[in-house]
Amino acid sequence: MDAKQVVLTSAAQMFGERDPSAVDRWVSPTYVQHSSRAADGPDGVRDLVRSLPDGFRYDMHRVIADGDLVALHGTYYGWGPDPLAAFDVFRVTDGKRVEHWDALNPVVAKTVSGRSQTDGPTEVTDLGATEANRDLVVGFVETVFKDGRVGAIGHFVSTDEYLQHNPGIGDGLDGLSAALEQMASTVAYEKVHLVVAEGNFVLTAGEGRFGGKPTAFYDLYRVANGRIVEHWDVTPEIKTDLPHANGAF
């Protein structure tokens, strides 16, 4: 069973069937947790499964795998009054989950582009372009987000089509450029921690500051013909009162 199958099968048993005994089958004794919703180790996951509310459900929209890393893009229901748009990243070793990171934000009903935070293409294609797409996206994040070179976005983003799912940013290069210039004084992207790439999809997970607050930046990009053509993101504040000592990354 490959890493993607391990994550999907374990998720179905633990969070779909709500079976705490599945933790013993799928979670490593040395499991490292980075989420703010669970304590470290298998016991933390077991307690989370046992505490799932009656109205809980998870709708998965996308899944990509890159070596021992698997990223899920989905929506959680039942954790609070609003649905939560989310990214989860798992590291898998020897058929078990060994590490987990996540980012969750309340779903916004109305966006500038008119799209939801999760709709759009889901199929993984262009597997032969995985490494080129990884390099393109990392270059974009490092150049435009981290270094602040907004004028360079045309080297990375399609001039013909750029579809946006961020609630406050419009479509196209003009929408992205305007948003980046507006946020220049409030957003500081400091470091990329994780990159998960498979075919036409690339997820980056990093940290920085937004409005002076420590923030996690999870950005999913779809690439076509050597340019970024679509973007989804989740950008929660990094909490300091985590139920473990592992940090958000």
Protein backbone atom coordinates (compact mmCIF):
# COMPACT_ATOMS: atom_id res chain seq x y z
CA MET A 1 0.00 0.00 0.00
CA ASP A 2 1.49 3.36 -1.03
CA ALA A 3 1.49 6.51 1.09
CA LYS A 4 -1.64 7.95 -0.53
CA GLN A 5 -3.60 4.76 0.10
CA VAL A 6 -2.39 4.66 3.72
CA VAL A 7 -3.66 8.18 4.37
CA LEU A 8 -7.00 7.69 2.63
CA THR A 9 -7.70 4.29 4.18
CA SER A 10 -6.72 5.42 7.67
CA ALA A 11 -8.79 8.60 7.36
CA ALA A 12 -11.85 6.61 6.33
CA GLN A 13 -11.52 4.27 9.30
CA MET A 14 -10.59 6.83 11.95
CA PHE A 15 -12.68 9.85 10.91
CA GLY A 16 -15.33 8.29 8.67
CA GLU A 17 -16.12 5.18 10.71
CA ARG A 18 -14.93 6.91 13.93
CA ASP A 19 -13.06 3.79 15.00
CA PRO A 20 -10.49 4.56 17.75
CA SER A 21 -8.93 1.09 17.31
CA ALA A 22 -7.84 2.12 13.79
CA VAL A 23 -5.26 4.38 15.43
CA ASP A 24 -3.29 1.29 16.46
CA ARG A 25 -3.23 0.08 12.84
CA TRP A 26 -2.31 3.35 11.15
CA VAL A 27 -0.52 5.69 13.57
CA SER A 28 3.14 5.24 14.53
CA PRO A 29 4.02 5.05 18.24
CA THR A 30 6.39 7.96 17.57
CA TYR A 31 3.73 10.08 15.81
CA VAL A 32 4.63 13.78 15.74
CA GLN A 33 1.69 16.18 15.82
CA HIS A 34 1.78 19.82 14.67
CA SER A 35 -1.96 20.52 14.70
CA SER A 36 -3.56 22.72 17.34
CA ARG A 37 -6.43 20.25 17.66
CA ALA A 38 -4.65 17.17 19.04
CA ALA A 39 -1.93 16.20 21.48
CA ASP A 40 1.21 14.35 20.45
CA GLY A 41 1.41 10.63 19.69
CA PRO A 42 -1.26 7.98 19.02
CA ASP A 43 -3.11 8.87 22.21
CA GLY A 44 -3.71 12.38 20.92
CA VAL A 45 -5.25 11.04 17.69
CA ARG A 46 -7.29 8.48 19.61
CA ASP A 47 -8.70 11.18 21.89
CA LEU A 48 -9.53 13.31 18.84
CA VAL A 49 -11.42 10.44 17.17
CA ARG A 50 -13.36 9.75 20.36
CA SER A 51 -14.31 13.41 20.71
CA LEU A 52 -15.73 13.89 17.19
CA PRO A 53 -19.16 15.56 17.44
CA ASP A 54 -22.31 13.97 16.02
CA GLY A 55 -22.45 16.39 13.10
CA PHE A 56 -18.84 15.86 12.07
CA ARG A 57 -17.96 15.04 8.48
CA TYR A 58 -15.09 15.64 6.08
CA ASP A 59 -15.45 16.33 2.35
CA MET A 60 -12.22 15.72 0.45
CA HIS A 61 -11.64 17.76 -2.70
CA ARG A 62 -8.04 16.97 -3.67
CA VAL A 63 -5.26 14.60 -2.71
CA ILE A 64 -1.65 14.69 -3.92
CA ALA A 65 1.29 12.53 -2.95
CA ASP A 66 5.01 13.24 -3.15
CA GLY A 67 7.30 10.50 -1.82
CA ASP A 68 6.46 10.05 1.86
CA LEU A 69 4.26 13.19 1.97
CA VAL A 70 0.53 13.22 1.26
CA ALA A 71 -1.54 16.41 1.17
CA LEU A 72 -5.33 16.61 1.44
CA HIS A 73 -7.47 19.60 0.53
CA GLY A 74 -10.94 19.44 2.01
CA THR A 75 -13.71 20.89 4.15
CA TYR A 76 -14.50 19.95 7.75
CA TYR A 77 -18.04 20.18 9.10
CA GLY A 78 -19.01 19.99 12.76
CA TRP A 79 -15.94 21.59 14.32
CA GLY A 80 -17.64 24.81 15.37
CA PRO A 81 -20.49 26.79 13.80
CA ASP A 82 -18.86 27.25 10.38
CA PRO A 83 -17.39 24.75 7.91
CA LEU A 84 -13.59 24.89 7.78
CA ALA A 85 -11.53 24.93 4.57
CA ALA A 86 -8.44 22.88 5.33
CA PHE A 87 -5.13 21.49 4.21
CA ASP A 88 -3.68 18.43 5.96
CA VAL A 89 -0.19 17.09 5.25
CA PHE A 90 0.95 13.67 6.47
CA ARG A 91 4.32 11.97 6.44
CA VAL A 92 4.07 8.20 6.00
CA THR A 93 6.76 5.63 6.82
CA ASP A 94 6.44 1.83 6.69
CA GLY A 95 2.70 1.97 6.15
CA LYS A 96 1.91 4.28 9.07
CA ARG A 97 1.32 7.96 9.67
CA VAL A 98 4.36 9.40 11.44
CA GLU A 99 3.79 13.17 11.27
CA HIS A 100 0.96 15.65 10.61
CA TRP A 101 0.60 19.35 9.83
CA ASP A 102 -2.60 21.28 9.09
CA ALA A 103 -4.18 24.65 8.40
CA LEU A 104 -7.87 25.50 8.81
CA ASN A 105 -9.93 28.66 8.20
CA PRO A 106 -13.71 29.25 8.32
CA VAL A 107 -15.31 29.01 4.90
CA VAL A 108 -16.22 32.41 3.45
CA ALA A 109 -19.62 32.55 1.76
CA LYS A 110 -18.79 35.28 -0.77
CA THR A 111 -15.47 35.73 -2.60
CA VAL A 112 -14.23 38.42 -4.98
CA SER A 113 -13.91 35.94 -7.87
CA GLY A 114 -17.27 34.30 -7.22
CA ARG A 115 -15.63 30.90 -6.76
CA SER A 116 -15.61 28.94 -3.56
CA GLN A 117 -12.43 28.28 -1.59
CA THR A 118 -12.39 24.64 -2.73
CA ASP A 119 -14.08 24.23 -6.12
CA GLY A 120 -12.28 23.72 -9.43
CA PRO A 121 -10.31 20.88 -11.07
CA THR A 122 -9.35 17.91 -8.92
CA GLU A 123 -7.69 15.44 -11.29
CA VAL A 124 -3.93 14.98 -11.04
CA THR A 125 -2.42 15.13 -14.55
CA ASP A 126 0.95 15.81 -16.23
CA LEU A 127 2.95 13.56 -13.90
CA GLY A 128 6.01 13.98 -16.10
CA ALA A 129 6.03 17.71 -15.33
CA THR A 130 6.09 17.28 -11.54
CA GLU A 131 9.66 18.49 -10.95
CA ALA A 132 9.40 21.39 -13.40
CA ASN A 133 6.15 22.48 -11.76
CA ARG A 134 7.71 22.19 -8.31
CA ASP A 135 10.60 24.43 -9.38
CA LEU A 136 8.20 26.94 -10.94
CA VAL A 137 6.03 27.25 -7.83
CA VAL A 138 8.90 27.39 -5.36
CA GLY A 139 10.52 30.03 -7.54
CA PHE A 140 7.30 32.03 -7.51
CA VAL A 141 6.94 31.85 -3.73
CA GLU A 142 10.59 32.73 -3.10
CA THR A 143 10.71 35.54 -5.68
CA VAL A 144 7.30 37.16 -5.38
CA PHE A 145 6.11 36.36 -1.85
CA LYS A 146 9.38 36.16 0.07
CA ASP A 147 11.49 38.70 -1.85
CA GLY A 148 8.56 40.98 -2.72
CA ARG A 149 9.35 41.26 -6.43
CA VAL A 150 5.78 41.79 -7.59
CA GLY A 151 6.90 42.83 -11.06
CA ALA A 152 8.22 39.32 -11.68
CA ILE A 153 4.86 37.55 -11.46
CA GLY A 154 4.57 37.35 -15.24
CA HIS A 155 7.51 34.92 -15.27
CA PHE A 156 5.48 32.45 -13.19
CA VAL A 157 1.76 33.16 -13.64
CA SER A 158 -0.17 32.73 -16.90
CA THR A 159 -1.10 35.94 -18.66
CA ASP A 160 -4.04 34.16 -20.34
CA GLU A 161 -5.74 32.53 -17.35
CA TYR A 162 -5.30 32.85 -13.62
CA LEU A 163 -8.22 31.63 -11.50
CA GLN A 164 -8.31 32.73 -7.88
CA HIS A 165 -9.98 31.08 -4.87
CA ASN A 166 -8.63 33.38 -2.16
CA PRO A 167 -11.73 35.19 -0.82
CA GLY A 168 -10.27 38.67 -1.21
CA ILE A 169 -8.31 38.49 -4.47
CA GLY A 170 -9.64 38.81 -8.01
CA ASP A 171 -8.76 36.78 -11.08
CA GLY A 172 -5.90 37.44 -13.47
CA LEU A 173 -2.52 39.10 -13.13
CA ASP A 174 -4.14 42.46 -12.43
CA GLY A 175 -6.06 41.09 -9.46
CA LEU A 176 -2.99 39.36 -8.06
CA SER A 177 -0.71 42.37 -8.59
CA ALA A 178 -3.17 44.73 -6.92
CA ALA A 179 -3.54 42.43 -3.92
CA LEU A 180 0.20 41.94 -3.49
CA GLU A 181 0.87 45.66 -3.65
CA GLN A 182 -1.91 46.34 -1.15
CA MET A 183 -0.60 43.69 1.26
CA ALA A 184 3.07 44.63 0.95
CA SER A 185 3.12 46.50 4.25
CA THR A 186 1.11 43.90 6.20
CA VAL A 187 2.39 40.52 4.93
CA ALA A 188 5.88 39.12 5.37
CA TYR A 189 6.58 35.62 4.03
CA GLU A 190 9.60 34.25 5.89
CA LYS A 191 10.14 30.55 5.14
CA VAL A 192 8.86 27.62 3.11
CA HIS A 193 8.72 24.49 5.27
CA LEU A 194 6.95 21.92 3.09
CA VAL A 195 6.48 21.34 -0.64
CA VAL A 196 4.20 18.59 -1.93
CA ALA A 197 4.11 18.23 -5.71
CA GLU A 198 2.33 15.76 -7.96
CA GLY A 199 1.79 16.49 -11.63
CA ASN A 200 -0.16 19.70 -12.17
CA PHE A 201 -0.63 20.42 -8.44
CA VAL A 202 1.95 21.89 -6.04
CA LEU A 203 1.31 22.73 -2.38
CA THR A 204 3.65 24.96 -0.38
CA ALA A 205 3.39 25.38 3.38
CA GLY A 206 5.32 28.17 5.04
CA GLU A 207 5.19 30.81 7.71
CA GLY A 208 5.52 34.53 8.15
CA ARG A 209 3.50 37.42 9.52
CA PHE A 210 0.15 38.87 8.48
CA GLY A 211 -0.95 42.08 10.16
CA GLY A 212 1.84 41.62 12.69
CA LYS A 213 0.63 38.15 13.73
CA PRO A 214 2.54 34.88 13.14
CA THR A 215 0.73 33.17 10.27
CA ALA A 216 0.88 29.87 8.41
CA PHE A 217 0.64 30.14 4.62
CA TYR A 218 -0.69 27.03 2.87
CA ASP A 219 -0.97 27.65 -0.89
CA LEU A 220 -2.07 25.15 -3.53
CA TYR A 221 -1.28 25.90 -7.17
CA ARG A 222 -2.41 24.31 -10.40
CA VAL A 223 0.09 24.55 -13.23
CA ALA A 224 -0.52 24.21 -16.97
CA ASN A 225 1.96 24.66 -19.81
CA GLY A 226 4.70 25.91 -17.52
CA ARG A 227 2.68 28.64 -15.80
CA ILE A 228 0.52 28.90 -12.68
CA VAL A 229 -3.15 29.04 -13.70
CA GLU A 230 -5.08 28.54 -10.44
CA HIS A 231 -4.62 29.11 -6.69
CA TRP A 232 -6.26 28.06 -3.41
CA ASP A 233 -5.05 28.94 0.08
CA VAL A 234 -5.62 28.73 3.83
CA THR A 235 -3.78 31.20 6.09
CA PRO A 236 -4.52 30.73 9.80
CA GLU A 237 -2.81 32.53 12.63
CA ILE A 238 -0.16 30.33 14.27
CA LYS A 239 -1.25 29.56 17.81
CA THR A 240 1.19 29.55 20.69
CA ASP A 241 -0.92 27.46 23.09
CA LEU A 242 -0.49 24.16 21.26
CA PRO A 243 -1.27 20.87 23.07
CA HIS A 244 2.27 19.66 22.31
CA ALA A 245 5.81 21.02 22.07
CA ASN A 246 6.36 20.47 18.32
CA GLY A 247 5.33 23.86 16.95
CA ALA A 248 3.20 24.46 13.87
CA PHE A 249 6.03 23.23 11.65
